[in-house]
Amino acid sequence: MTSTLPAILPRALVLTAVTLLAGCTGTQLAVEKSARQRSSAIGEILRPKQAMPALPELAHNSGAEEYLRYALLKHPAVTAAFYDWRAAVEAITPARSLPDPQLTFEADISDTLMTFMPGIMFDFMTRGKRAAMGREAAAASEVAYRNYATTVLRTSAAVRKAWIELAYVDEALRLREASIGAIDQSAAVNAAGYSTGRGMASLETQVLFLNQTAQLRATIAALEDRRAAARARFKSALGLAPAETDPPWPHFALTPAPLPPEAELWRAAQALNPELAAMRAMVEMAVAGVEVAQKARTPDFSLGAMPDLKADPLLVRPTATLTLPAFWRDKIAAIIAAAEARRDAAVARLNAEQLTLAAELAQMLYMVRESERMISYLETTALPNLERSIASAEAAYQSGMSGPGMIPQTRLMALGMRLERLDSLRQRETAVTDLLLMVADVAPAGTPLLTAANLSK
């Protein structure tokens, strides 16, 4: 034994090592390669070398896209969704790989050690079964990517809604402060008339002006609180914690964003809507799951060998096992039926999501049109009429035909209508943001974190 064993063991060890190394890698699926390339490309931008990337330098005059890019690179929700996606991509390799090899040991012991047989065992599945499991894992990674894409879009929408609120509050404060100026002017005119006894001035009118001023100051105080809340919301949407330094607050003018025609919106929603895309990915995963379930009929087997190190000459005992899945036909049928039911449920959820999308699109379009009608009425009818009234009152005062009392009151009415227009514009832009989210058009244009090409795959 001492002369034979040293010659045989090295060869056995070499064969074992070669077998182990051969099992460490497998054939990479095309979808796995594509998913790895895509996640690596985005990872180099979002978290290069697992670190925070260089963030855009924000200033008060920074554009909207700068703030959006800052939020997408900084916000932890985007980072979490990205790593969930990366984890799903990494899960493809284990799914398509062979099971881990097993070390075995057997010995016969009577009064002394009779046999000593260490060995190794490999479990094998057919290439078709492993490929099907890999495709199922790849489909799951696509679901994770769609969740990541949805998070990116929702983060962008949250930033947009936050700056809409900020722009609204800033302009509302300006209009309210201008309203106080108009009331003060009316009060001064009324006080002058009351002291001279001319005109229709009265003490009750003076009290009314004081009440209006006090009410407006309370409204301004509430708006200032609202601005503090809006800034906190905007800061959170950028991914900044409360303890971090405040960002430069943007100075965006609230202007109506253009929208494509309804038919084009519906086509874009069907093609690019993030929720629909996630549902389609879930359908693909369920279809792959059916293929995996059908492969359950295929038997698995294992092979191994155990050399008896006590025997002279060396004794090698081969071992093999084979599963018999056809033995439990009802079990296999139930596995396949469950997978098919999950597929049918995924298809039904996709159809239900399409119905929900159609209803939500119609509701958002109604809200946009309702706001646009109010804005159009104020801009084309109400405000021009008030401007003409102000011009007429000023002309009458300058000609001595009337007093100045109506001028500030008419200006106050005009300021109130401008505030109403501003509120309608805020409602419109909020609805437009929801519409743009439906068609995946709220992220910065051309951002490498999310492109139209990726969304439409």
Protein backbone atom coordinates (compact mmCIF):
# COMPACT_ATOMS: atom_id res chain seq x y z
CA MET A 1 0.00 0.00 0.00
CA THR A 2 2.82 2.36 0.80
CA SER A 3 4.23 1.93 -2.67
CA THR A 4 0.94 2.12 -4.62
CA LEU A 5 -0.90 4.91 -2.79
CA PRO A 6 1.58 7.77 -3.42
CA ALA A 7 1.41 7.11 -7.14
CA ILE A 8 -2.38 7.00 -7.34
CA LEU A 9 -3.42 9.77 -4.93
CA PRO A 10 -1.89 12.68 -6.93
CA ARG A 11 -3.79 11.60 -10.04
CA ALA A 12 -7.02 11.33 -8.05
CA LEU A 13 -6.48 14.75 -6.51
CA VAL A 14 -5.76 16.31 -9.91
CA LEU A 15 -8.91 14.79 -11.40
CA THR A 16 -10.94 16.02 -8.44
CA ALA A 17 -9.51 19.53 -8.69
CA VAL A 18 -10.21 19.67 -12.43
CA THR A 19 -13.78 18.55 -11.85
CA LEU A 20 -14.30 21.13 -9.11
CA LEU A 21 -12.90 23.95 -11.23
CA ALA A 22 -15.02 22.92 -14.18
CA GLY A 23 -18.12 23.18 -12.01
CA CYS A 24 -17.27 26.68 -10.78
CA THR A 25 -18.35 28.38 -14.00
CA GLY A 26 -21.16 27.78 -16.42
CA THR A 27 -22.46 28.98 -19.73
CA GLN A 28 -23.61 32.58 -19.34
CA LEU A 29 -27.08 33.28 -20.73
CA ALA A 30 -27.48 36.11 -23.22
CA VAL A 31 -30.07 37.79 -21.01
CA GLU A 32 -27.73 37.44 -18.03
CA LYS A 33 -24.90 39.09 -19.95
CA SER A 34 -27.19 41.92 -21.06
CA ALA A 35 -28.52 42.45 -17.52
CA ARG A 36 -24.99 42.54 -16.08
CA GLN A 37 -23.83 45.05 -18.67
CA ARG A 38 -26.81 47.31 -18.05
CA SER A 39 -26.55 47.18 -14.25
CA SER A 40 -22.79 47.74 -14.39
CA ALA A 41 -23.18 50.75 -16.69
CA ILE A 42 -25.74 52.37 -14.39
CA GLY A 43 -23.76 51.37 -11.30
CA GLU A 44 -20.69 53.22 -12.61
CA ILE A 45 -22.79 56.39 -12.66
CA LEU A 46 -24.98 55.91 -9.59
CA ARG A 47 -22.41 54.42 -7.21
CA PRO A 48 -18.93 54.34 -8.80
CA LYS A 49 -16.71 52.07 -6.70
CA GLN A 50 -19.56 51.75 -4.16
CA ALA A 51 -19.20 55.46 -3.29
CA MET A 52 -21.34 58.55 -3.70
CA PRO A 53 -20.74 60.15 -7.12
CA ALA A 54 -19.90 63.79 -7.64
CA LEU A 55 -23.19 65.66 -7.25
CA PRO A 56 -24.19 68.65 -9.38
CA GLU A 57 -23.32 72.02 -7.86
CA LEU A 58 -26.68 73.59 -7.12
CA ALA A 59 -27.29 77.34 -7.09
CA HIS A 60 -30.39 79.54 -6.85
CA ASN A 61 -30.39 79.90 -10.62
CA SER A 62 -29.83 76.18 -11.34
CA GLY A 63 -32.20 74.66 -13.87
CA ALA A 64 -34.83 72.08 -13.11
CA GLU A 65 -32.79 69.26 -14.65
CA GLU A 66 -29.86 70.01 -12.33
CA TYR A 67 -32.09 69.55 -9.31
CA LEU A 68 -33.54 66.36 -10.81
CA ARG A 69 -30.10 64.87 -11.47
CA TYR A 70 -29.03 65.76 -7.93
CA ALA A 71 -32.06 63.93 -6.51
CA LEU A 72 -31.57 60.80 -8.64
CA LEU A 73 -27.91 60.51 -7.62
CA LYS A 74 -28.53 61.32 -3.96
CA HIS A 75 -31.90 59.85 -2.99
CA PRO A 76 -31.60 56.60 -0.98
CA ALA A 77 -34.79 55.18 -2.49
CA VAL A 78 -33.13 55.13 -5.92
CA THR A 79 -30.01 53.56 -4.44
CA ALA A 80 -32.03 50.87 -2.66
CA ALA A 81 -33.96 50.00 -5.81
CA PHE A 82 -30.70 49.82 -7.77
CA TYR A 83 -29.11 47.39 -5.32
CA ASP A 84 -32.27 45.27 -5.27
CA TRP A 85 -31.96 45.08 -9.05
CA ARG A 86 -28.24 44.24 -8.86
CA ALA A 87 -28.98 41.47 -6.34
CA ALA A 88 -31.59 40.03 -8.72
CA VAL A 89 -29.04 40.10 -11.56
CA GLU A 90 -26.47 38.30 -9.40
CA ALA A 91 -29.11 35.64 -8.58
CA ILE A 92 -29.16 34.50 -12.22
CA THR A 93 -25.79 32.72 -11.94
CA PRO A 94 -26.74 30.51 -8.96
CA ALA A 95 -30.07 29.70 -10.60
CA ARG A 96 -28.47 28.31 -13.78
CA SER A 97 -25.54 26.62 -12.04
CA LEU A 98 -25.11 23.05 -10.86
CA PRO A 99 -25.69 22.33 -7.18
CA ASP A 100 -22.67 22.41 -4.89
CA PRO A 101 -20.52 19.26 -4.83
CA GLN A 102 -20.59 17.18 -1.64
CA LEU A 103 -17.73 15.58 0.24
CA THR A 104 -18.63 12.07 1.41
CA PHE A 105 -17.10 9.71 3.94
CA GLU A 106 -17.58 6.03 4.64
CA ALA A 107 -15.71 3.67 6.95
CA ASP A 108 -16.07 0.10 8.14
CA ILE A 109 -14.98 -0.38 11.72
CA SER A 110 -14.90 -3.66 13.57
CA ASP A 111 -12.11 -4.18 16.11
CA THR A 112 -9.99 -1.98 13.89
CA LEU A 113 -10.52 0.39 10.99
CA MET A 114 -11.30 -1.91 8.09
CA THR A 115 -12.06 0.62 5.34
CA PHE A 116 -11.54 4.36 5.09
CA MET A 117 -13.32 5.86 2.06
CA PRO A 118 -13.51 9.64 1.61
CA GLY A 119 -15.11 10.73 -1.63
CA ILE A 120 -16.89 13.43 -3.57
CA MET A 121 -20.39 13.55 -5.01
CA PHE A 122 -21.79 15.77 -7.74
CA ASP A 123 -25.48 16.46 -8.36
CA PHE A 124 -26.43 17.03 -11.98
CA MET A 125 -29.42 18.59 -13.67
CA THR A 126 -30.00 18.60 -17.39
CA ARG A 127 -28.83 21.64 -19.31
CA GLY A 128 -32.42 22.42 -20.33
CA LYS A 129 -33.63 22.53 -16.73
CA ARG A 130 -30.77 24.78 -15.62
CA ALA A 131 -31.32 27.06 -18.61
CA ALA A 132 -35.01 27.36 -17.75
CA MET A 133 -34.18 28.22 -14.15
CA GLY A 134 -31.70 30.81 -15.39
CA ARG A 135 -34.32 32.37 -17.65
CA GLU A 136 -36.74 32.55 -14.73
CA ALA A 137 -34.11 34.32 -12.62
CA ALA A 138 -33.34 36.65 -15.53
CA ALA A 139 -37.05 37.49 -15.78
CA ALA A 140 -37.04 38.22 -12.04
CA SER A 141 -34.10 40.58 -12.58
CA GLU A 142 -36.12 42.37 -15.25
CA VAL A 143 -38.94 42.82 -12.72
CA ALA A 144 -36.36 44.30 -10.33
CA TYR A 145 -35.14 46.63 -13.08
CA ARG A 146 -38.68 47.82 -13.73
CA ASN A 147 -39.08 48.52 -10.02
CA TYR A 148 -35.85 50.52 -10.15
CA ALA A 149 -37.07 52.44 -13.20
CA THR A 150 -40.38 53.17 -11.45
CA THR A 151 -38.48 54.48 -8.41
CA VAL A 152 -36.40 56.77 -10.60
CA LEU A 153 -39.52 58.18 -12.25
CA ARG A 154 -41.42 58.58 -8.98
CA THR A 155 -38.45 60.35 -7.42
CA SER A 156 -38.35 62.75 -10.36
CA ALA A 157 -42.11 63.33 -10.04
CA ALA A 158 -41.75 64.01 -6.31
CA VAL A 159 -39.07 66.65 -7.00
CA ARG A 160 -41.24 68.26 -9.67
CA LYS A 161 -44.30 68.39 -7.41
CA ALA A 162 -42.20 69.82 -4.58
CA TRP A 163 -40.87 72.67 -6.70
CA ILE A 164 -44.39 73.35 -8.07
CA GLU A 165 -45.52 73.79 -4.47
CA LEU A 166 -42.54 76.04 -3.71
CA ALA A 167 -43.17 78.21 -6.76
CA TYR A 168 -46.86 78.47 -5.88
CA VAL A 169 -46.23 79.49 -2.26
CA ASP A 170 -43.60 82.10 -3.21
CA GLU A 171 -45.91 83.71 -5.77
CA ALA A 172 -48.93 83.48 -3.44
CA LEU A 173 -46.98 85.31 -0.74
CA ARG A 174 -46.08 88.05 -3.20
CA LEU A 175 -49.73 88.46 -4.25
CA ARG A 176 -50.97 88.47 -0.66
CA GLU A 177 -48.45 91.12 0.32
CA ALA A 178 -49.53 93.19 -2.70
CA SER A 179 -53.13 92.76 -1.51
CA ILE A 180 -52.23 94.27 1.86
CA GLY A 181 -50.76 97.23 -0.02
CA ALA A 182 -54.03 97.67 -1.95
CA ILE A 183 -56.07 97.49 1.27
CA ASP A 184 -53.78 100.02 2.96
CA GLN A 185 -54.26 102.34 -0.01
CA SER A 186 -58.03 101.96 0.21
CA ALA A 187 -57.93 102.57 3.95
CA ALA A 188 -55.87 105.72 3.47
CA VAL A 189 -58.30 107.07 0.86
CA ASN A 190 -61.27 106.22 3.10
CA ALA A 191 -59.61 107.83 6.14
CA ALA A 192 -58.98 111.02 4.19
CA GLY A 193 -62.62 111.13 3.10
CA TYR A 194 -63.86 110.36 6.59
CA SER A 195 -61.78 113.15 8.16
CA THR A 196 -63.02 115.72 5.64
CA GLY A 197 -66.57 114.44 5.59
CA ARG A 198 -66.56 114.01 1.83
CA GLY A 199 -67.58 111.01 -0.20
CA MET A 200 -69.03 107.80 1.15
CA ALA A 201 -66.32 107.23 3.77
CA SER A 202 -67.43 105.78 7.10
CA LEU A 203 -66.01 104.32 10.27
CA GLU A 204 -67.53 100.92 9.42
CA THR A 205 -65.53 100.86 6.21
CA GLN A 206 -62.35 101.62 8.12
CA VAL A 207 -63.08 98.72 10.49
CA LEU A 208 -63.72 96.48 7.49
CA PHE A 209 -60.32 97.40 6.04
CA LEU A 210 -58.65 96.64 9.37
CA ASN A 211 -60.35 93.25 9.49
CA GLN A 212 -59.30 92.48 5.92
CA THR A 213 -55.71 93.43 6.71
CA ALA A 214 -55.65 91.26 9.82
CA GLN A 215 -57.12 88.34 7.87
CA LEU A 216 -54.53 88.74 5.14
CA ARG A 217 -51.70 88.86 7.66
CA ALA A 218 -52.97 85.60 9.18
CA THR A 219 -53.11 84.12 5.67
CA ILE A 220 -49.54 85.27 5.02
CA ALA A 221 -48.39 83.69 8.28
CA ALA A 222 -50.07 80.43 7.22
CA LEU A 223 -48.39 80.67 3.80
CA GLU A 224 -45.02 81.16 5.45
CA ASP A 225 -45.63 77.97 7.45
CA ARG A 226 -46.66 76.30 4.21
CA ARG A 227 -43.43 77.48 2.59
CA ALA A 228 -41.42 75.95 5.46
CA ALA A 229 -43.25 72.66 4.92
CA ALA A 230 -42.74 72.91 1.14
CA ARG A 231 -39.03 73.48 1.61
CA ALA A 232 -38.79 70.47 3.92
CA ARG A 233 -40.62 68.42 1.29
CA PHE A 234 -38.33 69.69 -1.45
CA LYS A 235 -35.25 68.94 0.64
CA SER A 236 -36.50 65.41 1.32
CA ALA A 237 -37.29 64.89 -2.38
CA LEU A 238 -33.66 65.75 -3.15
CA GLY A 239 -32.54 62.99 -0.77
CA LEU A 240 -31.22 65.35 1.92
CA ALA A 241 -31.71 64.48 5.59
CA PRO A 242 -33.09 67.17 7.97
CA ALA A 243 -29.65 67.54 9.61
CA GLU A 244 -27.91 68.22 6.28
CA THR A 245 -27.37 71.71 4.95
CA ASP A 246 -30.32 73.22 3.12
CA PRO A 247 -29.96 73.33 -0.66
CA PRO A 248 -30.20 76.61 -2.55
CA TRP A 249 -33.94 77.12 -2.89
CA PRO A 250 -34.94 77.28 -6.55
CA HIS A 251 -36.65 80.28 -8.08
CA PHE A 252 -38.86 78.63 -10.69
CA ALA A 253 -41.66 80.62 -12.27
CA LEU A 254 -44.84 78.55 -12.37
CA THR A 255 -45.59 78.26 -16.09
CA PRO A 256 -47.85 75.80 -17.96
CA ALA A 257 -45.96 72.82 -19.36
CA PRO A 258 -47.01 71.73 -22.87
CA LEU A 259 -48.73 68.38 -23.31
CA PRO A 260 -48.98 66.24 -26.45
CA PRO A 261 -52.42 65.31 -27.84
CA GLU A 262 -54.51 62.76 -25.98
CA ALA A 263 -54.01 60.03 -28.60
CA GLU A 264 -50.25 60.43 -28.39
CA LEU A 265 -50.38 60.35 -24.58
CA TRP A 266 -52.33 57.09 -24.66
CA ARG A 267 -49.88 55.48 -27.10
CA ALA A 268 -46.95 56.57 -24.96
CA ALA A 269 -48.64 55.32 -21.80
CA GLN A 270 -49.23 51.89 -23.31
CA ALA A 271 -45.61 51.67 -24.45
CA LEU A 272 -43.71 53.34 -21.59
CA ASN A 273 -45.89 53.36 -18.47
CA PRO A 274 -43.66 52.05 -15.64
CA GLU A 275 -46.46 50.14 -13.92
CA LEU A 276 -47.44 48.39 -17.15
CA ALA A 277 -43.79 47.61 -17.87
CA ALA A 278 -43.44 46.02 -14.42
CA MET A 279 -46.60 43.97 -15.02
CA ARG A 280 -45.28 42.77 -18.39
CA ALA A 281 -42.03 41.74 -16.74
CA MET A 282 -44.02 39.81 -14.14
CA VAL A 283 -45.88 38.03 -16.93
CA GLU A 284 -42.54 37.05 -18.51
CA MET A 285 -41.34 35.77 -15.14
CA ALA A 286 -44.52 33.73 -14.71
CA VAL A 287 -44.13 32.28 -18.23
CA ALA A 288 -40.55 31.30 -17.39
CA GLY A 289 -41.85 29.78 -14.16
CA VAL A 290 -44.18 27.53 -16.18
CA GLU A 291 -41.20 26.32 -18.23
CA VAL A 292 -39.29 25.53 -15.03
CA ALA A 293 -42.32 23.66 -13.66
CA GLN A 294 -42.58 21.59 -16.82
CA LYS A 295 -38.92 20.64 -16.48
CA ALA A 296 -39.78 19.07 -13.11
CA ARG A 297 -40.62 15.90 -15.05
CA THR A 298 -36.95 15.57 -16.00
CA PRO A 299 -35.01 13.39 -13.53
CA ASP A 300 -31.85 14.60 -11.79
CA PHE A 301 -28.90 12.39 -11.04
CA SER A 302 -25.71 12.42 -9.03
CA LEU A 303 -22.32 10.78 -9.55
CA GLY A 304 -19.48 10.25 -7.15
CA ALA A 305 -16.52 8.09 -6.22
CA MET A 306 -14.96 6.95 -2.94
CA PRO A 307 -11.42 5.45 -2.86
CA ASP A 308 -10.70 2.99 -0.05
CA LEU A 309 -7.43 4.27 1.36
CA LYS A 310 -7.01 1.14 3.47
CA ALA A 311 -7.18 -1.30 0.56
CA ASP A 312 -4.08 -2.55 -1.21
CA PRO A 313 -4.35 -2.40 -4.17
CA LEU A 314 -6.47 0.79 -4.06
CA LEU A 315 -10.22 0.15 -4.24
CA VAL A 316 -12.52 2.81 -5.77
CA ARG A 317 -16.28 2.59 -5.20
CA PRO A 318 -18.37 4.58 -7.73
CA THR A 319 -21.79 5.80 -6.57
CA ALA A 320 -24.77 7.11 -8.52
CA THR A 321 -28.35 8.18 -7.78
CA LEU A 322 -31.30 9.05 -10.00
CA THR A 323 -34.47 10.88 -9.01
CA LEU A 324 -37.82 9.47 -10.14
CA PRO A 325 -40.13 12.50 -10.52
CA ALA A 326 -42.64 10.50 -12.56
CA PHE A 327 -43.31 8.41 -9.46
CA TRP A 328 -45.39 11.26 -8.00
CA ARG A 329 -47.42 12.28 -11.04
CA ASP A 330 -50.00 14.20 -9.04
CA LYS A 331 -47.21 16.24 -7.44
CA ILE A 332 -45.71 17.17 -10.83
CA ALA A 333 -49.16 18.00 -12.20
CA ALA A 334 -49.86 20.25 -9.21
CA ILE A 335 -46.52 22.06 -9.65
CA ILE A 336 -47.27 22.74 -13.31
CA ALA A 337 -50.87 23.76 -12.60
CA ALA A 338 -49.74 26.21 -9.92
CA ALA A 339 -47.19 27.76 -12.27
CA GLU A 340 -49.81 28.11 -15.01
CA ALA A 341 -52.22 29.69 -12.52
CA ARG A 342 -49.54 32.23 -11.54
CA ARG A 343 -49.02 32.99 -15.23
CA ASP A 344 -52.76 33.48 -15.81
CA ALA A 345 -52.98 35.70 -12.72
CA ALA A 346 -50.09 37.83 -13.99
CA VAL A 347 -51.80 38.24 -17.37
CA ALA A 348 -55.06 39.22 -15.66
CA ARG A 349 -53.24 41.75 -13.47
CA LEU A 350 -51.67 43.24 -16.59
CA ASN A 351 -55.11 43.61 -18.21
CA ALA A 352 -56.49 45.14 -15.00
CA GLU A 353 -53.60 47.61 -14.89
CA GLN A 354 -54.37 48.66 -18.46
CA LEU A 355 -57.98 49.40 -17.47
CA THR A 356 -56.80 51.36 -14.42
CA LEU A 357 -54.33 53.28 -16.56
CA ALA A 358 -57.07 54.28 -19.02
CA ALA A 359 -59.28 55.54 -16.18
CA GLU A 360 -56.44 57.45 -14.49
CA LEU A 361 -55.36 59.01 -17.77
CA ALA A 362 -58.91 60.23 -18.40
CA GLN A 363 -59.14 61.63 -14.85
CA MET A 364 -55.82 63.47 -15.11
CA LEU A 365 -56.78 64.91 -18.51
CA TYR A 366 -60.08 66.12 -17.03
CA MET A 367 -58.23 67.85 -14.18
CA VAL A 368 -55.84 69.49 -16.66
CA ARG A 369 -58.69 70.70 -18.87
CA GLU A 370 -60.73 71.98 -15.94
CA SER A 371 -57.77 74.02 -14.73
CA GLU A 372 -57.06 75.25 -18.26
CA ARG A 373 -60.65 76.44 -18.67
CA MET A 374 -60.45 78.42 -15.44
CA ILE A 375 -57.07 79.89 -16.42
CA SER A 376 -58.40 80.81 -19.85
CA TYR A 377 -61.47 82.52 -18.34
CA LEU A 378 -59.36 84.54 -15.93
CA GLU A 379 -56.74 85.49 -18.53
CA THR A 380 -59.08 86.30 -21.42
CA THR A 381 -62.17 87.68 -19.66
CA ALA A 382 -62.03 88.43 -15.94
CA LEU A 383 -58.61 90.02 -15.65
CA PRO A 384 -58.85 92.12 -18.86
CA ASN A 385 -62.26 93.43 -17.70
CA LEU A 386 -60.80 94.39 -14.34
CA GLU A 387 -57.85 96.09 -16.04
CA ARG A 388 -60.32 98.10 -18.09
CA SER A 389 -62.24 98.96 -14.92
CA ILE A 390 -59.05 100.15 -13.24
CA ALA A 391 -58.14 102.26 -16.29
CA SER A 392 -61.66 103.75 -16.35
CA ALA A 393 -61.58 104.55 -12.61
CA GLU A 394 -58.17 106.21 -12.96
CA ALA A 395 -59.39 108.25 -15.93
CA ALA A 396 -62.49 109.35 -14.02
CA TYR A 397 -60.41 110.34 -11.02
CA GLN A 398 -57.96 112.31 -13.14
CA SER A 399 -60.84 114.17 -14.80
CA GLY A 400 -62.40 114.94 -11.43
CA MET A 401 -65.55 112.95 -12.19
CA SER A 402 -65.06 110.52 -9.26
CA GLY A 403 -62.95 109.92 -6.21
CA PRO A 404 -60.01 107.56 -5.89
CA GLY A 405 -61.77 105.01 -3.66
CA MET A 406 -62.61 102.45 -6.36
CA ILE A 407 -59.09 102.22 -7.76
CA PRO A 408 -57.42 100.26 -4.93
CA GLN A 409 -60.50 98.07 -4.41
CA THR A 410 -60.53 97.11 -8.10
CA ARG A 411 -56.81 96.37 -7.91
CA LEU A 412 -57.49 94.19 -4.87
CA MET A 413 -60.06 92.22 -6.88
CA ALA A 414 -57.52 91.79 -9.69
CA LEU A 415 -54.95 90.47 -7.23
CA GLY A 416 -57.51 88.00 -5.91
CA MET A 417 -58.18 86.76 -9.43
CA ARG A 418 -54.45 86.39 -10.10
CA LEU A 419 -54.23 84.31 -6.95
CA GLU A 420 -57.11 82.16 -8.21
CA ARG A 421 -55.32 81.77 -11.54
CA LEU A 422 -52.15 80.77 -9.69
CA ASP A 423 -54.02 78.09 -7.75
CA SER A 424 -55.56 76.72 -10.97
CA LEU A 425 -52.10 76.66 -12.54
CA ARG A 426 -50.74 74.75 -9.53
CA GLN A 427 -53.51 72.17 -9.87
CA ARG A 428 -52.85 71.86 -13.60
CA GLU A 429 -49.11 71.34 -13.19
CA THR A 430 -49.64 68.75 -10.47
CA ALA A 431 -51.98 66.83 -12.79
CA VAL A 432 -49.50 67.26 -15.66
CA THR A 433 -46.78 65.74 -13.47
CA ASP A 434 -48.96 62.68 -12.88
CA LEU A 435 -49.58 62.46 -16.63
CA LEU A 436 -45.87 62.70 -17.39
CA LEU A 437 -45.22 59.97 -14.83
CA MET A 438 -47.70 57.75 -16.67
CA VAL A 439 -45.68 58.13 -19.89
CA ALA A 440 -42.26 57.97 -18.18
CA ASP A 441 -41.40 61.54 -19.11
CA VAL A 442 -40.54 63.16 -15.77
CA ALA A 443 -36.86 62.18 -15.47
CA PRO A 444 -34.17 64.48 -16.88
CA ALA A 445 -33.93 64.22 -20.64
CA GLY A 446 -31.22 61.82 -21.72
CA THR A 447 -30.18 60.79 -18.22
CA PRO A 448 -27.93 57.71 -18.35
CA LEU A 449 -29.69 56.39 -15.24
CA LEU A 450 -32.81 55.84 -17.30
CA THR A 451 -33.29 56.10 -21.03
CA ALA A 452 -36.26 55.65 -23.31
CA ALA A 453 -34.48 52.72 -24.96
CA ASN A 454 -34.27 50.89 -21.65
CA LEU A 455 -37.89 51.63 -20.79
CA SER A 456 -39.30 50.39 -24.07
CA LYS A 457 -37.51 47.06 -24.05
